[in-house]
């Protein structure tokens, strides 16, 4: 089995984790087909409990009609 080299350093990962924790954001990263790492930080949004946007609730409402 060959060895693989990390795309980003452990220090960079730690910095990203601190940013996520301190600023309440979501980190989404992926490797492109060309081998580049792309990432996006977006605000973390919590869904209210019992939200009307729940798929099960919407399906139950639809089935009842």
C-alpha atoms as a PDB file:
ATOM      1  CA  UNK A   1       0.000   0.000   0.000  1.00  0.00           C
ATOM      2  CA  UNK A   2       1.392   3.412  -0.960  1.00  0.00           C
ATOM      3  CA  UNK A   3       1.602   6.374   1.339  1.00  0.00           C
ATOM      4  CA  UNK A   4      -0.694   9.354   0.972  1.00  0.00           C
ATOM      5  CA  UNK A   5       0.232  12.911   1.729  1.00  0.00           C
ATOM      6  CA  UNK A   6      -2.202  15.113   3.644  1.00  0.00           C
ATOM      7  CA  UNK A   7      -3.818  17.946   1.695  1.00  0.00           C
ATOM      8  CA  UNK A   8      -3.645  20.286   4.692  1.00  0.00           C
ATOM      9  CA  UNK A   9      -1.538  20.289   7.813  1.00  0.00           C
ATOM     10  CA  UNK A  10      -2.722  19.364  11.290  1.00  0.00           C
ATOM     11  CA  UNK A  11      -2.096  22.964  12.368  1.00  0.00           C
ATOM     12  CA  UNK A  12      -4.431  24.196   9.613  1.00  0.00           C
ATOM     13  CA  UNK A  13      -7.088  21.682  10.689  1.00  0.00           C
ATOM     14  CA  UNK A  14      -6.790  22.898  14.276  1.00  0.00           C
ATOM     15  CA  UNK A  15      -7.194  26.528  13.144  1.00  0.00           C
ATOM     16  CA  UNK A  16     -10.305  25.593  11.153  1.00  0.00           C
ATOM     17  CA  UNK A  17     -11.762  23.737  14.160  1.00  0.00           C
ATOM     18  CA  UNK A  18     -11.156  26.783  16.391  1.00  0.00           C
ATOM     19  CA  UNK A  19     -12.859  29.047  13.853  1.00  0.00           C
ATOM     20  CA  UNK A  20     -15.875  26.756  13.678  1.00  0.00           C
ATOM     21  CA  UNK A  21     -16.161  26.580  17.468  1.00  0.00           C
ATOM     22  CA  UNK A  22     -15.600  30.287  18.140  1.00  0.00           C
ATOM     23  CA  UNK A  23     -17.818  31.690  15.407  1.00  0.00           C
ATOM     24  CA  UNK A  24     -20.624  29.119  15.222  1.00  0.00           C
ATOM     25  CA  UNK A  25     -20.114  28.254  11.579  1.00  0.00           C
ATOM     26  CA  UNK A  26     -20.254  25.063   9.539  1.00  0.00           C
ATOM     27  CA  UNK A  27     -17.154  23.982   7.624  1.00  0.00           C
ATOM     28  CA  UNK A  28     -17.855  22.172   4.359  1.00  0.00           C
ATOM     29  CA  UNK A  29     -14.851  20.950   2.402  1.00  0.00           C
ATOM     30  CA  UNK A  30     -14.272  18.727  -0.566  1.00  0.00           C
ATOM     31  CA  UNK A  31     -11.519  17.643  -2.911  1.00  0.00           C
ATOM     32  CA  UNK A  32     -12.117  18.652  -6.526  1.00  0.00           C
ATOM     33  CA  UNK A  33     -11.451  16.271  -9.421  1.00  0.00           C
ATOM     34  CA  UNK A  34      -8.181  18.129 -10.039  1.00  0.00           C
ATOM     35  CA  UNK A  35      -7.065  17.376  -6.463  1.00  0.00           C
ATOM     36  CA  UNK A  36      -7.585  20.857  -4.998  1.00  0.00           C
ATOM     37  CA  UNK A  37      -9.245  21.386  -1.625  1.00  0.00           C
ATOM     38  CA  UNK A  38     -12.193  23.766  -1.682  1.00  0.00           C
ATOM     39  CA  UNK A  39     -14.131  24.783   1.380  1.00  0.00           C
ATOM     40  CA  UNK A  40     -16.971  27.001   2.492  1.00  0.00           C
ATOM     41  CA  UNK A  41     -17.897  28.442   5.872  1.00  0.00           C
ATOM     42  CA  UNK A  42     -21.579  29.098   6.449  1.00  0.00           C
ATOM     43  CA  UNK A  43     -23.519  30.240   9.524  1.00  0.00           C
ATOM     44  CA  UNK A  44     -24.755  27.415  11.731  1.00  0.00           C
ATOM     45  CA  UNK A  45     -28.544  27.534  11.870  1.00  0.00           C
ATOM     46  CA  UNK A  46     -30.511  25.418  14.301  1.00  0.00           C
ATOM     47  CA  UNK A  47     -33.912  24.179  13.250  1.00  0.00           C
ATOM     48  CA  UNK A  48     -36.653  24.992  15.755  1.00  0.00           C
ATOM     49  CA  UNK A  49     -38.118  21.978  17.549  1.00  0.00           C
ATOM     50  CA  UNK A  50     -41.331  20.838  15.863  1.00  0.00           C
ATOM     51  CA  UNK A  51     -40.687  22.952  12.783  1.00  0.00           C
ATOM     52  CA  UNK A  52     -43.296  22.759  10.022  1.00  0.00           C
ATOM     53  CA  UNK A  53     -40.438  22.011   7.618  1.00  0.00           C
ATOM     54  CA  UNK A  54     -40.097  18.448   8.896  1.00  0.00           C
ATOM     55  CA  UNK A  55     -40.498  16.005   5.991  1.00  0.00           C
ATOM     56  CA  UNK A  56     -42.413  13.459   8.067  1.00  0.00           C
ATOM     57  CA  UNK A  57     -44.906  16.110   9.165  1.00  0.00           C
ATOM     58  CA  UNK A  58     -45.390  17.322   5.604  1.00  0.00           C
ATOM     59  CA  UNK A  59     -45.936  13.778   4.334  1.00  0.00           C
ATOM     60  CA  UNK A  60     -48.448  13.056   7.108  1.00  0.00           C
ATOM     61  CA  UNK A  61     -50.332  16.273   6.275  1.00  0.00           C
ATOM     62  CA  UNK A  62     -50.364  15.365   2.589  1.00  0.00           C
ATOM     63  CA  UNK A  63     -51.571  11.807   3.288  1.00  0.00           C
ATOM     64  CA  UNK A  64     -54.360  13.126   5.518  1.00  0.00           C
ATOM     65  CA  UNK A  65     -55.766  15.378   2.793  1.00  0.00           C
END
